[in-house]
Amino acid sequence: MMQQCESAIMAGNAVYFFPEGTRSRDGRLKQFKLGAFILAQKMRAPILPIAINGSKNALPKNSINFHGRHHMRIEVLDEIPYADFANLSVEETAGLARERIAAFVDEHKKAV
């Protein structure tokens, strides 16, 4: 899969990851898995963080069925250029992206 992602990026395409790897029960971000950030560093590709709010009620964890009608909000955040994480570890890069997304996730704003 990663080789296919590399080929897609080299061809000028974007690839999308859900870096948590699963949905949380409470809407709060879980720790990010590192695959997307390994790829971004290897390919020297920018990261475009996207925050999704409202999906925990529409598509709860352990369900493949949508539950009723819910308002959802998707926010495309500012790009993180490769230069911003070129000297960071993969873990630090994941933390940077997670921190930026968390600032726009309602459940994280409520906890502050």
N, C-alpha and C. Protein backbone atom coordinates (compact mmCIF):
# COMPACT_ATOMS: atom_id res chain seq x y z
N MET A 1 0.81 -1.18 0.00
CA MET A 1 0.00 0.00 0.00
C MET A 1 0.87 1.26 0.00
N MET A 2 1.93 1.25 0.80
CA MET A 2 2.80 2.43 0.86
C MET A 2 3.48 2.68 -0.49
N GLN A 3 3.86 1.61 -1.20
CA GLN A 3 4.45 1.78 -2.52
C GLN A 3 3.45 2.41 -3.48
N GLN A 4 2.18 2.01 -3.37
CA GLN A 4 1.15 2.62 -4.21
C GLN A 4 0.95 4.09 -3.86
N CYS A 5 1.03 4.41 -2.58
CA CYS A 5 0.93 5.81 -2.15
C CYS A 5 2.09 6.63 -2.69
N GLU A 6 3.30 6.06 -2.64
CA GLU A 6 4.47 6.75 -3.17
C GLU A 6 4.30 7.01 -4.67
N SER A 7 3.82 6.02 -5.39
CA SER A 7 3.60 6.18 -6.84
C SER A 7 2.56 7.26 -7.11
N ALA A 8 1.50 7.27 -6.31
CA ALA A 8 0.45 8.27 -6.49
C ALA A 8 1.00 9.67 -6.25
N ILE A 9 1.80 9.84 -5.21
CA ILE A 9 2.39 11.15 -4.91
C ILE A 9 3.34 11.58 -6.02
N MET A 10 4.17 10.65 -6.50
CA MET A 10 5.10 10.96 -7.60
C MET A 10 4.36 11.37 -8.86
N ALA A 11 3.15 10.86 -9.03
CA ALA A 11 2.34 11.20 -10.20
C ALA A 11 1.56 12.51 -10.00
N GLY A 12 1.76 13.14 -8.83
CA GLY A 12 1.11 14.42 -8.58
C GLY A 12 -0.24 14.33 -7.90
N ASN A 13 -0.57 13.15 -7.39
CA ASN A 13 -1.85 12.96 -6.72
C ASN A 13 -1.71 13.12 -5.20
N ALA A 14 -2.83 13.35 -4.56
CA ALA A 14 -2.88 13.40 -3.10
C ALA A 14 -3.29 12.02 -2.58
N VAL A 15 -2.84 11.70 -1.40
CA VAL A 15 -3.30 10.49 -0.72
C VAL A 15 -3.87 10.93 0.63
N TYR A 16 -4.88 10.22 1.10
CA TYR A 16 -5.57 10.58 2.33
C TYR A 16 -5.40 9.49 3.36
N PHE A 17 -5.14 9.90 4.58
CA PHE A 17 -5.01 8.96 5.69
C PHE A 17 -5.93 9.42 6.82
N PHE A 18 -6.45 8.48 7.54
CA PHE A 18 -7.10 8.75 8.82
C PHE A 18 -6.08 8.26 9.84
N PRO A 19 -5.25 9.16 10.35
CA PRO A 19 -4.07 8.74 11.10
C PRO A 19 -4.34 8.06 12.44
N GLU A 20 -5.57 8.15 12.94
CA GLU A 20 -5.87 7.43 14.18
C GLU A 20 -6.06 5.94 13.91
N GLY A 21 -6.44 5.61 12.69
CA GLY A 21 -6.64 4.21 12.32
C GLY A 21 -7.99 3.65 12.73
N THR A 22 -8.75 4.39 13.52
CA THR A 22 -10.07 3.95 13.98
C THR A 22 -10.82 5.17 14.49
N ARG A 23 -12.10 4.98 14.78
CA ARG A 23 -12.89 6.08 15.34
C ARG A 23 -12.89 5.98 16.86
N SER A 24 -12.94 7.13 17.51
CA SER A 24 -13.01 7.13 18.97
C SER A 24 -14.48 7.11 19.41
N ARG A 25 -14.73 6.67 20.60
CA ARG A 25 -16.10 6.64 21.13
C ARG A 25 -16.60 8.03 21.51
N ASP A 26 -15.68 8.89 21.98
CA ASP A 26 -16.10 10.17 22.53
C ASP A 26 -15.81 11.37 21.63
N GLY A 27 -15.26 11.16 20.46
CA GLY A 27 -14.98 12.25 19.54
C GLY A 27 -13.62 12.90 19.75
N ARG A 28 -12.94 12.55 20.83
CA ARG A 28 -11.60 13.08 21.07
C ARG A 28 -10.60 12.30 20.22
N LEU A 29 -9.58 13.00 19.77
CA LEU A 29 -8.55 12.36 18.95
C LEU A 29 -7.79 11.31 19.74
N LYS A 30 -7.54 10.21 19.10
CA LYS A 30 -6.67 9.18 19.67
C LYS A 30 -5.25 9.49 19.20
N GLN A 31 -4.29 8.74 19.69
CA GLN A 31 -2.91 8.90 19.22
C GLN A 31 -2.87 8.58 17.73
N PHE A 32 -2.00 9.24 17.01
CA PHE A 32 -1.87 9.01 15.57
C PHE A 32 -0.88 7.87 15.31
N LYS A 33 -1.22 7.04 14.36
CA LYS A 33 -0.28 6.04 13.88
C LYS A 33 0.71 6.76 12.95
N LEU A 34 1.85 6.19 12.73
CA LEU A 34 2.94 6.93 12.09
C LEU A 34 3.07 6.79 10.58
N GLY A 35 2.33 5.86 9.97
CA GLY A 35 2.51 5.59 8.54
C GLY A 35 2.42 6.81 7.64
N ALA A 36 1.43 7.63 7.83
CA ALA A 36 1.25 8.82 6.98
C ALA A 36 2.43 9.77 7.11
N PHE A 37 3.00 9.84 8.29
CA PHE A 37 4.08 10.79 8.55
C PHE A 37 5.43 10.25 8.08
N ILE A 38 5.57 8.94 8.12
CA ILE A 38 6.75 8.31 7.50
C ILE A 38 6.73 8.61 6.00
N LEU A 39 5.57 8.44 5.40
CA LEU A 39 5.41 8.69 3.96
C LEU A 39 5.68 10.16 3.63
N ALA A 40 5.11 11.08 4.40
CA ALA A 40 5.31 12.52 4.14
C ALA A 40 6.78 12.89 4.21
N GLN A 41 7.49 12.33 5.20
CA GLN A 41 8.92 12.64 5.30
C GLN A 41 9.71 12.03 4.15
N LYS A 42 9.42 10.79 3.85
CA LYS A 42 10.15 10.10 2.78
C LYS A 42 9.95 10.81 1.44
N MET A 43 8.72 11.24 1.19
CA MET A 43 8.38 11.86 -0.10
C MET A 43 8.60 13.37 -0.09
N ARG A 44 8.95 13.91 1.09
CA ARG A 44 9.11 15.36 1.24
C ARG A 44 7.84 16.08 0.80
N ALA A 45 6.72 15.49 1.18
CA ALA A 45 5.41 16.00 0.78
C ALA A 45 4.79 16.81 1.91
N PRO A 46 4.08 17.87 1.58
CA PRO A 46 3.39 18.63 2.61
C PRO A 46 2.25 17.82 3.20
N ILE A 47 1.81 18.24 4.37
CA ILE A 47 0.68 17.61 5.06
C ILE A 47 -0.46 18.60 5.08
N LEU A 48 -1.64 18.18 4.68
CA LEU A 48 -2.83 19.03 4.72
C LEU A 48 -3.77 18.48 5.79
N PRO A 49 -3.73 19.04 7.01
CA PRO A 49 -4.58 18.52 8.08
C PRO A 49 -6.04 18.87 7.84
N ILE A 50 -6.91 17.94 8.19
CA ILE A 50 -8.36 18.14 8.06
C ILE A 50 -9.01 17.72 9.37
N ALA A 51 -9.84 18.60 9.93
CA ALA A 51 -10.56 18.32 11.17
C ALA A 51 -12.01 18.01 10.84
N ILE A 52 -12.52 16.92 11.40
CA ILE A 52 -13.91 16.51 11.17
C ILE A 52 -14.64 16.54 12.51
N ASN A 53 -15.73 17.26 12.57
CA ASN A 53 -16.55 17.34 13.77
C ASN A 53 -17.95 16.80 13.49
N GLY A 54 -18.50 16.09 14.45
CA GLY A 54 -19.88 15.61 14.35
C GLY A 54 -20.04 14.20 13.85
N SER A 55 -18.95 13.55 13.48
CA SER A 55 -19.09 12.20 12.92
C SER A 55 -19.32 11.14 13.98
N LYS A 56 -18.98 11.42 15.25
CA LYS A 56 -19.11 10.39 16.29
C LYS A 56 -20.56 9.98 16.51
N ASN A 57 -21.50 10.88 16.28
CA ASN A 57 -22.91 10.54 16.43
C ASN A 57 -23.50 9.97 15.15
N ALA A 58 -23.00 10.43 14.02
CA ALA A 58 -23.51 9.96 12.73
C ALA A 58 -23.05 8.54 12.42
N LEU A 59 -21.82 8.23 12.77
CA LEU A 59 -21.24 6.92 12.49
C LEU A 59 -20.44 6.47 13.70
N PRO A 60 -21.13 6.00 14.74
CA PRO A 60 -20.44 5.64 15.99
C PRO A 60 -19.45 4.49 15.80
N LYS A 61 -18.49 4.44 16.72
CA LYS A 61 -17.51 3.35 16.72
C LYS A 61 -18.25 2.01 16.77
N ASN A 62 -17.70 1.02 16.12
CA ASN A 62 -18.26 -0.34 16.06
C ASN A 62 -19.56 -0.42 15.30
N SER A 63 -19.83 0.55 14.44
CA SER A 63 -21.03 0.50 13.62
C SER A 63 -20.64 0.85 12.19
N ILE A 64 -21.28 0.20 11.24
CA ILE A 64 -21.06 0.56 9.84
C ILE A 64 -22.30 1.24 9.27
N ASN A 65 -23.28 1.51 10.12
CA ASN A 65 -24.51 2.15 9.69
C ASN A 65 -24.57 3.59 10.19
N PHE A 66 -25.01 4.48 9.32
CA PHE A 66 -25.23 5.86 9.74
C PHE A 66 -26.47 5.89 10.62
N HIS A 67 -26.44 6.74 11.65
CA HIS A 67 -27.53 6.82 12.63
C HIS A 67 -28.20 8.18 12.56
N GLY A 68 -29.28 8.27 11.80
CA GLY A 68 -30.06 9.50 11.74
C GLY A 68 -29.36 10.62 10.98
N ARG A 69 -29.89 11.80 11.21
CA ARG A 69 -29.37 13.00 10.54
C ARG A 69 -28.58 13.81 11.56
N HIS A 70 -27.37 14.18 11.20
CA HIS A 70 -26.49 14.92 12.11
C HIS A 70 -25.75 16.01 11.35
N HIS A 71 -25.48 17.08 12.04
CA HIS A 71 -24.66 18.15 11.47
C HIS A 71 -23.20 17.77 11.64
N MET A 72 -22.48 17.88 10.56
CA MET A 72 -21.04 17.61 10.59
C MET A 72 -20.33 18.82 10.01
N ARG A 73 -19.12 19.03 10.45
CA ARG A 73 -18.32 20.14 9.95
C ARG A 73 -16.93 19.59 9.62
N ILE A 74 -16.49 19.91 8.41
CA ILE A 74 -15.16 19.50 7.97
C ILE A 74 -14.37 20.77 7.69
N GLU A 75 -13.22 20.90 8.33
CA GLU A 75 -12.39 22.08 8.14
C GLU A 75 -11.04 21.66 7.58
N VAL A 76 -10.71 22.22 6.42
CA VAL A 76 -9.41 21.99 5.81
C VAL A 76 -8.50 23.08 6.37
N LEU A 77 -7.48 22.67 7.09
CA LEU A 77 -6.59 23.60 7.78
C LEU A 77 -5.43 24.01 6.87
N ASP A 78 -4.63 24.92 7.37
CA ASP A 78 -3.46 25.35 6.59
C ASP A 78 -2.49 24.19 6.40
N GLU A 79 -1.92 24.14 5.23
CA GLU A 79 -0.93 23.11 4.89
C GLU A 79 0.29 23.23 5.81
N ILE A 80 0.85 22.10 6.15
CA ILE A 80 2.12 22.07 6.86
C ILE A 80 3.18 21.74 5.81
N PRO A 81 3.97 22.73 5.39
CA PRO A 81 4.97 22.47 4.36
C PRO A 81 6.06 21.54 4.87
N TYR A 82 6.67 20.82 3.96
CA TYR A 82 7.74 19.89 4.34
C TYR A 82 8.81 20.58 5.16
N ALA A 83 9.14 21.82 4.83
CA ALA A 83 10.19 22.54 5.56
C ALA A 83 9.89 22.65 7.05
N ASP A 84 8.60 22.66 7.41
CA ASP A 84 8.21 22.78 8.83
C ASP A 84 8.50 21.51 9.63
N PHE A 85 8.65 20.37 8.95
CA PHE A 85 8.91 19.12 9.69
C PHE A 85 10.13 18.36 9.16
N ALA A 86 10.87 18.99 8.29
CA ALA A 86 12.04 18.34 7.69
C ALA A 86 13.05 17.88 8.74
N ASN A 87 13.18 18.61 9.82
CA ASN A 87 14.16 18.27 10.85
C ASN A 87 13.53 17.64 12.08
N LEU A 88 12.27 17.24 11.98
CA LEU A 88 11.59 16.60 13.10
C LEU A 88 11.61 15.08 12.93
N SER A 89 11.46 14.37 14.02
CA SER A 89 11.30 12.92 13.94
C SER A 89 9.89 12.63 13.42
N VAL A 90 9.67 11.41 13.03
CA VAL A 90 8.33 11.00 12.59
C VAL A 90 7.33 11.22 13.72
N GLU A 91 7.70 10.87 14.93
CA GLU A 91 6.81 11.04 16.09
C GLU A 91 6.49 12.52 16.33
N GLU A 92 7.49 13.36 16.19
CA GLU A 92 7.27 14.81 16.36
C GLU A 92 6.38 15.36 15.24
N THR A 93 6.56 14.86 14.04
CA THR A 93 5.74 15.28 12.92
C THR A 93 4.28 14.89 13.16
N ALA A 94 4.05 13.67 13.61
CA ALA A 94 2.69 13.23 13.93
C ALA A 94 2.10 14.11 15.03
N GLY A 95 2.91 14.42 16.04
CA GLY A 95 2.45 15.28 17.13
C GLY A 95 2.08 16.68 16.65
N LEU A 96 2.87 17.22 15.73
CA LEU A 96 2.59 18.53 15.16
C LEU A 96 1.24 18.54 14.45
N ALA A 97 1.02 17.55 13.60
CA ALA A 97 -0.25 17.46 12.87
C ALA A 97 -1.41 17.25 13.82
N ARG A 98 -1.24 16.38 14.81
CA ARG A 98 -2.31 16.10 15.77
C ARG A 98 -2.67 17.35 16.56
N GLU A 99 -1.66 18.09 16.98
CA GLU A 99 -1.89 19.33 17.74
C GLU A 99 -2.68 20.34 16.93
N ARG A 100 -2.34 20.48 15.67
CA ARG A 100 -3.06 21.43 14.79
C ARG A 100 -4.51 21.01 14.60
N ILE A 101 -4.73 19.72 14.39
CA ILE A 101 -6.10 19.24 14.21
C ILE A 101 -6.89 19.37 15.51
N ALA A 102 -6.29 19.00 16.63
CA ALA A 102 -6.99 19.04 17.92
C ALA A 102 -7.52 20.44 18.23
N ALA A 103 -6.83 21.47 17.79
CA ALA A 103 -7.28 22.84 18.04
C ALA A 103 -8.62 23.14 17.38
N PHE A 104 -9.04 22.30 16.42
CA PHE A 104 -10.29 22.51 15.71
C PHE A 104 -11.34 21.45 16.01
N VAL A 105 -11.01 20.48 16.87
CA VAL A 105 -11.96 19.42 17.21
C VAL A 105 -12.73 19.85 18.44
N ASP A 106 -14.05 19.90 18.32
CA ASP A 106 -14.91 20.43 19.39
C ASP A 106 -14.65 19.78 20.73
N GLU A 107 -14.51 18.45 20.77
CA GLU A 107 -14.32 17.75 22.03
C GLU A 107 -13.01 18.14 22.73
N HIS A 108 -12.03 18.56 21.98
CA HIS A 108 -10.77 19.00 22.58
C HIS A 108 -10.89 20.43 23.09
N LYS A 109 -11.66 21.26 22.39
CA LYS A 109 -11.86 22.63 22.84
C LYS A 109 -12.65 22.66 24.14
N LYS A 110 -13.62 21.73 24.30
CA LYS A 110 -14.43 21.66 25.52
C LYS A 110 -13.59 21.25 26.72
N ALA A 111 -12.57 20.43 26.49
CA ALA A 111 -11.75 19.88 27.57
C ALA A 111 -10.78 20.93 28.14
N VAL A 112 -10.55 21.99 27.40
CA VAL A 112 -9.57 23.01 27.85
C VAL A 112 -10.18 23.93 28.87
